[in-house]
Amino acid sequence: MIRLAIAFVVLNSLDMSMTLLCVGNGYSELNPIMKFIVTQPLYLVILFKVGLSAVFAVALVLLRLKAVLCIVVSATLLICIWNAVMLIRG
């Protein structure tokens, strides 16, 4: 489960990076909370996105909710793929 938790945090970091690139290229953030967050200073964006995902991952590990962790890792991977497609399309 630790590997899944690490994957979740890494994927969220990748999502954050690609989201910032997409927004910088004129795309809109679809998540209303992140839409506000990405307008903040970079250190706050990193703190929020990475910090929140780390806390969530640790909670799921401590609660032994492997199935939920698998689902959120899969969902985050799909979001990263979506962001990558948006960046490639330009």
Protein backbone atom coordinates (compact mmCIF):
# COMPACT_ATOMS: atom_id res chain seq x y z
CA MET A 1 0.00 0.00 0.00
CA ILE A 2 2.91 2.33 0.59
CA ARG A 3 3.80 2.15 -3.11
CA LEU A 4 0.24 3.09 -4.03
CA ALA A 5 0.35 6.02 -1.62
CA ILE A 6 3.63 7.22 -3.13
CA ALA A 7 2.20 6.80 -6.63
CA PHE A 8 -0.80 8.91 -5.61
CA VAL A 9 1.39 11.76 -4.36
CA VAL A 10 3.68 11.58 -7.39
CA LEU A 11 0.72 11.55 -9.80
CA ASN A 12 -0.82 14.51 -7.99
CA SER A 13 2.47 16.38 -8.33
CA LEU A 14 2.53 15.57 -12.04
CA ASP A 15 -1.10 16.65 -12.34
CA MET A 16 -0.28 19.94 -10.64
CA SER A 17 2.65 20.58 -12.98
CA MET A 18 0.66 19.78 -16.10
CA THR A 19 -2.33 21.78 -14.87
CA LEU A 20 -0.12 24.83 -14.43
CA LEU A 21 1.28 24.31 -17.94
CA CYS A 22 -2.23 23.94 -19.39
CA VAL A 23 -3.51 27.04 -17.60
CA GLY A 24 -0.42 28.90 -18.80
CA ASN A 25 -1.30 27.86 -22.36
CA GLY A 26 -4.82 29.26 -22.11
CA TYR A 27 -6.82 26.25 -20.93
CA SER A 28 -9.27 26.57 -18.04
CA GLU A 29 -9.09 24.53 -14.83
CA LEU A 30 -12.29 22.50 -14.54
CA ASN A 31 -12.13 21.89 -10.78
CA PRO A 32 -13.59 25.00 -9.09
CA ILE A 33 -11.36 24.67 -6.01
CA MET A 34 -8.19 24.25 -8.08
CA LYS A 35 -9.35 27.05 -10.38
CA PHE A 36 -8.91 29.37 -7.41
CA ILE A 37 -5.75 27.66 -6.10
CA VAL A 38 -3.82 27.93 -9.40
CA THR A 39 -4.15 31.72 -9.25
CA GLN A 40 -2.20 31.79 -5.99
CA PRO A 41 1.59 31.99 -5.57
CA LEU A 42 3.38 28.83 -6.70
CA TYR A 43 4.49 27.81 -3.20
CA LEU A 44 0.84 27.80 -2.06
CA VAL A 45 -0.22 25.73 -5.06
CA ILE A 46 2.50 23.17 -4.29
CA LEU A 47 1.74 23.16 -0.58
CA PHE A 48 -1.98 22.68 -1.17
CA LYS A 49 -1.81 20.03 -3.90
CA VAL A 50 1.10 17.94 -2.62
CA GLY A 51 0.28 18.43 1.05
CA LEU A 52 -3.37 17.52 0.68
CA SER A 53 -2.63 14.47 -1.46
CA ALA A 54 0.02 13.28 1.02
CA VAL A 55 -2.34 13.65 3.99
CA PHE A 56 -5.09 11.84 2.08
CA ALA A 57 -2.72 9.02 1.05
CA VAL A 58 -1.45 8.56 4.60
CA ALA A 59 -5.02 8.48 5.92
CA LEU A 60 -5.99 5.79 3.42
CA VAL A 61 -2.93 3.72 4.34
CA LEU A 62 -3.61 4.06 8.07
CA LEU A 63 -7.27 3.12 7.54
CA ARG A 64 -6.16 0.21 5.34
CA LEU A 65 -8.44 1.30 2.50
CA LYS A 66 -6.45 -0.24 -0.33
CA ALA A 67 -9.42 -0.41 -2.71
CA VAL A 68 -10.10 3.31 -2.30
CA LEU A 69 -6.42 4.08 -2.80
CA CYS A 70 -6.42 2.03 -6.01
CA ILE A 71 -9.43 3.97 -7.27
CA VAL A 72 -7.94 7.40 -6.53
CA VAL A 73 -4.59 6.43 -8.07
CA SER A 74 -6.40 5.26 -11.21
CA ALA A 75 -8.50 8.42 -11.35
CA THR A 76 -5.44 10.62 -10.90
CA LEU A 77 -3.63 8.73 -13.65
CA LEU A 78 -6.56 9.38 -16.00
CA ILE A 79 -6.46 13.08 -15.11
CA CYS A 80 -2.73 13.14 -15.90
CA ILE A 81 -3.38 11.47 -19.25
CA TRP A 82 -6.08 14.07 -19.99
CA ASN A 83 -3.68 16.90 -19.15
CA ALA A 84 -0.97 15.35 -21.34
CA VAL A 85 -3.38 15.11 -24.27
CA MET A 86 -4.35 18.76 -23.80
CA LEU A 87 -0.67 19.78 -23.78
CA ILE A 88 0.13 17.71 -26.87
CA ARG A 89 -2.84 19.13 -28.76
CA GLY A 90 -1.57 22.60 -27.94
